[in-house]
C-alpha atoms as a PDB file:
ATOM      1  CA  UNK A   1     107.114  77.991 127.211  1.00  0.00           C
ATOM      2  CA  UNK A   2     107.741  80.162 124.322  1.00  0.00           C
ATOM      3  CA  UNK A   3     109.255  83.164 126.895  1.00  0.00           C
ATOM      4  CA  UNK A   4     111.318  80.790 129.246  1.00  0.00           C
ATOM      5  CA  UNK A   5     112.873  79.224 125.026  1.00  0.00           C
ATOM      6  CA  UNK A   6     113.160  83.016 124.801  1.00  0.00           C
ATOM      7  CA  UNK A   7     115.309  83.715 128.112  1.00  0.00           C
ATOM      8  CA  UNK A   8     117.340  80.860 127.359  1.00  0.00           C
ATOM      9  CA  UNK A   9     118.506  81.902 123.906  1.00  0.00           C
ATOM     10  CA  UNK A  10     119.395  85.448 125.463  1.00  0.00           C
ATOM     11  CA  UNK A  11     121.281  83.714 128.474  1.00  0.00           C
ATOM     12  CA  UNK A  12     123.524  81.954 126.062  1.00  0.00           C
ATOM     13  CA  UNK A  13     124.271  84.686 123.759  1.00  0.00           C
ATOM     14  CA  UNK A  14     125.294  86.677 127.166  1.00  0.00           C
ATOM     15  CA  UNK A  15     127.324  83.790 128.281  1.00  0.00           C
ATOM     16  CA  UNK A  16     128.887  83.492 124.539  1.00  0.00           C
ATOM     17  CA  UNK A  17     129.407  87.452 124.703  1.00  0.00           C
ATOM     18  CA  UNK A  18     131.765  87.124 128.012  1.00  0.00           C
ATOM     19  CA  UNK A  19     133.438  84.305 126.658  1.00  0.00           C
ATOM     20  CA  UNK A  20     134.327  86.437 123.888  1.00  0.00           C
ATOM     21  CA  UNK A  21     135.172  89.492 126.249  1.00  0.00           C
ATOM     22  CA  UNK A  22     137.508  87.021 128.120  1.00  0.00           C
ATOM     23  CA  UNK A  23     139.118  85.549 125.024  1.00  0.00           C
ATOM     24  CA  UNK A  24     139.682  89.466 123.934  1.00  0.00           C
ATOM     25  CA  UNK A  25     141.093  90.366 127.445  1.00  0.00           C
ATOM     26  CA  UNK A  26     143.867  87.739 127.099  1.00  0.00           C
ATOM     27  CA  UNK A  27     144.596  88.463 123.256  1.00  0.00           C
ATOM     28  CA  UNK A  28     144.959  92.017 124.861  1.00  0.00           C
ATOM     29  CA  UNK A  29     147.415  90.898 127.216  1.00  0.00           C
ATOM     30  CA  UNK A  30     149.516  88.555 124.738  1.00  0.00           C
ATOM     31  CA  UNK A  31     149.964  91.313 122.744  1.00  0.00           C
ATOM     32  CA  UNK A  32     151.260  93.602 125.214  1.00  0.00           C
ATOM     33  CA  UNK A  33     153.376  90.842 126.561  1.00  0.00           C
ATOM     34  CA  UNK A  34     155.041  90.768 122.520  1.00  0.00           C
ATOM     35  CA  UNK A  35     154.973  94.530 122.006  1.00  0.00           C
ATOM     36  CA  UNK A  36     157.187  94.762 125.678  1.00  0.00           C
ATOM     37  CA  UNK A  37     159.467  91.796 125.012  1.00  0.00           C
ATOM     38  CA  UNK A  38     159.998  93.799 121.012  1.00  0.00           C
ATOM     39  CA  UNK A  39     160.786  96.858 122.744  1.00  0.00           C
ATOM     40  CA  UNK A  40     163.104  95.146 125.239  1.00  0.00           C
ATOM     41  CA  UNK A  41     164.660  93.251 122.899  1.00  0.00           C
ATOM     42  CA  UNK A  42     165.223  96.265 120.210  1.00  0.00           C
ATOM     43  CA  UNK A  43     164.561  99.513 121.527  1.00  0.00           C
ATOM     44  CA  UNK A  44     167.159  99.663 124.813  1.00  0.00           C
ATOM     45  CA  UNK A  45     170.340  99.996 123.712  1.00  0.00           C
ATOM     46  CA  UNK A  46     173.048  98.753 125.760  1.00  0.00           C
ATOM     47  CA  UNK A  47     177.075  98.951 125.545  1.00  0.00           C
ATOM     48  CA  UNK A  48     177.827  95.946 127.793  1.00  0.00           C
ATOM     49  CA  UNK A  49     177.274  93.095 125.800  1.00  0.00           C
ATOM     50  CA  UNK A  50     176.012  90.766 128.491  1.00  0.00           C
ATOM     51  CA  UNK A  51     173.136  93.068 128.789  1.00  0.00           C
ATOM     52  CA  UNK A  52     172.738  93.046 125.659  1.00  0.00           C
ATOM     53  CA  UNK A  53     172.205  89.519 125.365  1.00  0.00           C
ATOM     54  CA  UNK A  54     170.034  89.493 128.864  1.00  0.00           C
ATOM     55  CA  UNK A  55     167.375  92.041 126.965  1.00  0.00           C
ATOM     56  CA  UNK A  56     167.385  89.669 124.052  1.00  0.00           C
ATOM     57  CA  UNK A  57     166.585  86.640 126.166  1.00  0.00           C
ATOM     58  CA  UNK A  58     164.068  88.641 128.305  1.00  0.00           C
ATOM     59  CA  UNK A  59     162.675  89.558 124.800  1.00  0.00           C
ATOM     60  CA  UNK A  60     162.396  86.418 123.711  1.00  0.00           C
ATOM     61  CA  UNK A  61     160.729  85.048 126.556  1.00  0.00           C
ATOM     62  CA  UNK A  62     158.152  87.673 126.550  1.00  0.00           C
ATOM     63  CA  UNK A  63     157.447  87.309 122.967  1.00  0.00           C
ATOM     64  CA  UNK A  64     156.778  83.316 124.013  1.00  0.00           C
ATOM     65  CA  UNK A  65     154.706  83.963 126.894  1.00  0.00           C
ATOM     66  CA  UNK A  66     152.215  86.577 124.766  1.00  0.00           C
ATOM     67  CA  UNK A  67     152.043  83.668 122.068  1.00  0.00           C
ATOM     68  CA  UNK A  68     150.806  80.917 125.109  1.00  0.00           C
ATOM     69  CA  UNK A  69     148.691  83.816 126.113  1.00  0.00           C
ATOM     70  CA  UNK A  70     146.993  83.502 122.162  1.00  0.00           C
ATOM     71  CA  UNK A  71     146.992  79.774 122.588  1.00  0.00           C
ATOM     72  CA  UNK A  72     145.588  79.799 126.107  1.00  0.00           C
ATOM     73  CA  UNK A  73     142.701  82.043 125.216  1.00  0.00           C
ATOM     74  CA  UNK A  74     141.398  79.907 122.323  1.00  0.00           C
ATOM     75  CA  UNK A  75     141.515  76.890 124.311  1.00  0.00           C
ATOM     76  CA  UNK A  76     139.607  78.623 127.143  1.00  0.00           C
ATOM     77  CA  UNK A  77     137.083  80.293 124.650  1.00  0.00           C
ATOM     78  CA  UNK A  78     136.900  76.700 122.831  1.00  0.00           C
ATOM     79  CA  UNK A  79     136.328  75.628 126.182  1.00  0.00           C
ATOM     80  CA  UNK A  80     133.377  77.757 126.422  1.00  0.00           C
ATOM     81  CA  UNK A  81     132.145  77.303 122.947  1.00  0.00           C
ATOM     82  CA  UNK A  82     131.384  73.796 123.088  1.00  0.00           C
ATOM     83  CA  UNK A  83     129.530  73.907 126.377  1.00  0.00           C
ATOM     84  CA  UNK A  84     127.369  76.334 124.371  1.00  0.00           C
ATOM     85  CA  UNK A  85     127.267  74.426 121.153  1.00  0.00           C
ATOM     86  CA  UNK A  86     124.793  72.277 122.502  1.00  0.00           C
ATOM     87  CA  UNK A  87     122.449  74.862 122.639  1.00  0.00           C
ATOM     88  CA  UNK A  88     122.701  75.529 118.364  1.00  0.00           C
ATOM     89  CA  UNK A  89     124.938  78.149 118.219  1.00  0.00           C
ATOM     90  CA  UNK A  90     126.854  79.249 114.664  1.00  0.00           C
ATOM     91  CA  UNK A  91     130.420  77.465 114.148  1.00  0.00           C
ATOM     92  CA  UNK A  92     130.847  80.913 112.460  1.00  0.00           C
ATOM     93  CA  UNK A  93     132.381  82.315 115.941  1.00  0.00           C
ATOM     94  CA  UNK A  94     134.644  79.725 116.490  1.00  0.00           C
ATOM     95  CA  UNK A  95     136.213  79.406 113.278  1.00  0.00           C
ATOM     96  CA  UNK A  96     136.869  83.249 113.292  1.00  0.00           C
ATOM     97  CA  UNK A  97     138.452  82.803 116.986  1.00  0.00           C
ATOM     98  CA  UNK A  98     140.509  80.341 115.168  1.00  0.00           C
ATOM     99  CA  UNK A  99     142.101  82.405 112.760  1.00  0.00           C
ATOM    100  CA  UNK A 100     142.598  85.471 114.798  1.00  0.00           C
ATOM    101  CA  UNK A 101     144.447  83.049 116.977  1.00  0.00           C
ATOM    102  CA  UNK A 102     146.456  81.699 114.331  1.00  0.00           C
ATOM    103  CA  UNK A 103     147.495  85.066 112.383  1.00  0.00           C
ATOM    104  CA  UNK A 104     148.453  86.442 115.786  1.00  0.00           C
ATOM    105  CA  UNK A 105     150.731  83.221 116.396  1.00  0.00           C
ATOM    106  CA  UNK A 106     152.410  84.007 112.920  1.00  0.00           C
ATOM    107  CA  UNK A 107     152.886  87.840 114.068  1.00  0.00           C
ATOM    108  CA  UNK A 108     154.327  86.000 117.041  1.00  0.00           C
ATOM    109  CA  UNK A 109     156.805  83.560 115.324  1.00  0.00           C
ATOM    110  CA  UNK A 110     158.210  86.809 113.076  1.00  0.00           C
ATOM    111  CA  UNK A 111     158.867  88.888 116.155  1.00  0.00           C
ATOM    112  CA  UNK A 112     160.595  86.497 118.069  1.00  0.00           C
ATOM    113  CA  UNK A 113     162.576  85.564 114.656  1.00  0.00           C
ATOM    114  CA  UNK A 114     163.275  89.612 114.728  1.00  0.00           C
ATOM    115  CA  UNK A 115     164.471  89.198 118.005  1.00  0.00           C
ATOM    116  CA  UNK A 116     167.151  86.232 117.439  1.00  0.00           C
ATOM    117  CA  UNK A 117     168.715  87.342 113.996  1.00  0.00           C
END
């Protein structure tokens, strides 16, 4: 009986680590979108006004897409965490993920503000 409980605990820990890796992958993709949006909007120099406006719109959309990925990453992680919470996991990991996501959303909003001014 004790060995089965130990195996169940290990399975829960592996599942939680897999959910954290998935969260990390979504955050990486979101950061790439935010960085790409900033690069397109600010680093590319166009002489034509319509091209400059198009670059700023595309950059802003990429930043919004990246912010959306941060929110999706958190909701996906939360879904897995809630399923595993019944096994007695610590609430600390969810709090950390929420704090990371909020920080990323604030940074995305600042980048969006930089692009639009």
